[in-house]
N, C-alpha and C. Protein backbone atom coordinates (compact mmCIF):
# COMPACT_ATOMS: atom_id res chain seq x y z
N MET A 1 34.87 27.72 24.44
CA MET A 1 33.52 27.35 24.08
C MET A 1 33.09 28.06 22.81
N ALA A 2 33.61 29.26 22.58
CA ALA A 2 33.28 29.98 21.34
C ALA A 2 33.79 29.19 20.13
N ILE A 3 34.97 28.61 20.27
CA ILE A 3 35.52 27.80 19.17
C ILE A 3 34.67 26.56 18.98
N GLN A 4 34.24 25.95 20.08
CA GLN A 4 33.39 24.76 20.03
C GLN A 4 32.12 25.06 19.23
N GLU A 5 31.49 26.19 19.54
CA GLU A 5 30.26 26.56 18.84
C GLU A 5 30.52 26.84 17.37
N THR A 6 31.63 27.53 17.10
CA THR A 6 31.97 27.85 15.71
C THR A 6 32.18 26.59 14.88
N LEU A 7 32.84 25.61 15.48
CA LEU A 7 33.11 24.35 14.78
C LEU A 7 31.92 23.41 14.77
N GLY A 8 30.92 23.71 15.58
CA GLY A 8 29.73 22.88 15.62
C GLY A 8 29.89 21.59 16.40
N HIS A 9 30.84 21.57 17.33
CA HIS A 9 31.06 20.37 18.15
C HIS A 9 30.06 20.33 19.30
N ALA A 10 29.48 19.17 19.53
CA ALA A 10 28.55 19.00 20.64
C ALA A 10 29.30 18.92 21.97
N TRP A 11 30.51 18.41 21.94
CA TRP A 11 31.28 18.19 23.16
C TRP A 11 32.58 19.00 23.13
N ILE A 12 32.88 19.68 24.22
CA ILE A 12 34.11 20.47 24.31
C ILE A 12 35.34 19.58 24.17
N ALA A 13 35.24 18.34 24.59
CA ALA A 13 36.37 17.41 24.48
C ALA A 13 36.77 17.21 23.02
N THR A 14 35.81 17.23 22.11
CA THR A 14 36.11 17.10 20.69
C THR A 14 36.93 18.30 20.23
N THR A 15 36.52 19.48 20.63
CA THR A 15 37.23 20.70 20.26
C THR A 15 38.65 20.68 20.80
N MET A 16 38.80 20.23 22.03
CA MET A 16 40.11 20.22 22.67
C MET A 16 41.09 19.30 21.95
N ASN A 17 40.58 18.34 21.18
CA ASN A 17 41.48 17.48 20.40
C ASN A 17 42.15 18.25 19.28
N TYR A 18 41.56 19.33 18.85
CA TYR A 18 42.07 20.13 17.74
C TYR A 18 42.75 21.42 18.18
N VAL A 19 42.42 21.91 19.35
CA VAL A 19 42.95 23.18 19.85
C VAL A 19 43.99 22.91 20.91
N HIS A 20 45.17 23.41 20.67
CA HIS A 20 46.25 23.23 21.64
C HIS A 20 46.76 24.59 22.07
N VAL A 21 46.49 24.95 23.29
CA VAL A 21 46.89 26.25 23.82
C VAL A 21 47.86 26.00 24.97
N HIS A 22 48.98 26.69 24.92
CA HIS A 22 49.95 26.55 26.01
C HIS A 22 49.39 27.16 27.28
N ARG A 23 49.67 26.52 28.39
CA ARG A 23 49.17 26.98 29.69
C ARG A 23 49.60 28.42 29.95
N THR A 24 50.82 28.77 29.58
CA THR A 24 51.29 30.13 29.85
C THR A 24 50.50 31.15 29.06
N HIS A 25 50.03 30.79 27.88
CA HIS A 25 49.22 31.71 27.08
C HIS A 25 47.91 32.00 27.79
N VAL A 26 47.29 30.99 28.34
CA VAL A 26 46.03 31.16 29.07
C VAL A 26 46.27 32.01 30.31
N GLU A 27 47.33 31.72 31.05
CA GLU A 27 47.64 32.49 32.25
C GLU A 27 47.94 33.95 31.92
N ASP A 28 48.69 34.20 30.85
CA ASP A 28 49.01 35.57 30.44
C ASP A 28 47.75 36.32 30.04
N ALA A 29 46.85 35.66 29.33
CA ALA A 29 45.60 36.29 28.91
C ALA A 29 44.74 36.62 30.13
N TRP A 30 44.69 35.71 31.10
CA TRP A 30 43.93 35.95 32.33
C TRP A 30 44.50 37.15 33.08
N SER A 31 45.80 37.18 33.22
CA SER A 31 46.47 38.27 33.93
C SER A 31 46.22 39.61 33.24
N ALA A 32 46.32 39.64 31.93
CA ALA A 32 46.07 40.88 31.18
C ALA A 32 44.62 41.34 31.36
N GLY A 33 43.69 40.41 31.37
CA GLY A 33 42.29 40.75 31.59
C GLY A 33 42.06 41.31 32.98
N GLN A 34 42.71 40.74 33.96
CA GLN A 34 42.59 41.23 35.33
C GLN A 34 43.16 42.65 35.45
N ASP A 35 44.27 42.88 34.78
CA ASP A 35 44.88 44.22 34.80
C ASP A 35 43.96 45.25 34.15
N ARG A 36 43.34 44.89 33.03
CA ARG A 36 42.41 45.81 32.37
C ARG A 36 41.21 46.11 33.26
N ALA A 37 40.66 45.07 33.88
CA ALA A 37 39.51 45.25 34.77
C ALA A 37 39.87 46.13 35.97
N ALA A 38 41.05 45.91 36.53
CA ALA A 38 41.49 46.72 37.67
C ALA A 38 41.65 48.18 37.26
N GLY A 39 42.17 48.40 36.07
CA GLY A 39 42.32 49.77 35.57
C GLY A 39 41.00 50.47 35.39
N ARG A 40 40.02 49.75 34.93
CA ARG A 40 38.68 50.35 34.75
C ARG A 40 38.04 50.65 36.09
N LEU A 41 38.19 49.76 37.03
CA LEU A 41 37.61 49.95 38.36
C LEU A 41 38.32 51.07 39.12
N LYS A 42 39.59 51.24 38.87
CA LYS A 42 40.37 52.27 39.56
C LYS A 42 39.77 53.65 39.30
N GLY A 43 39.30 53.87 38.08
CA GLY A 43 38.70 55.14 37.73
C GLY A 43 37.34 55.38 38.36
N LEU A 44 36.73 54.34 38.91
CA LEU A 44 35.40 54.46 39.50
C LEU A 44 35.42 54.77 41.00
N LYS A 45 36.59 54.67 41.62
CA LYS A 45 36.69 54.92 43.06
C LYS A 45 36.33 56.35 43.38
N VAL A 46 35.57 56.50 44.48
CA VAL A 46 35.14 57.83 44.91
C VAL A 46 35.96 58.30 46.06
């Protein structure tokens, strides 16, 4: 959606015509984000 806004597209479908992201890239990014979040929360345990 950030790319959509940057390009000024009213519809995300328009943006998706120009942006091609491999599924594994999205999954890897999600997994890395989850790992970072877990690491931050781990330090908060009492």
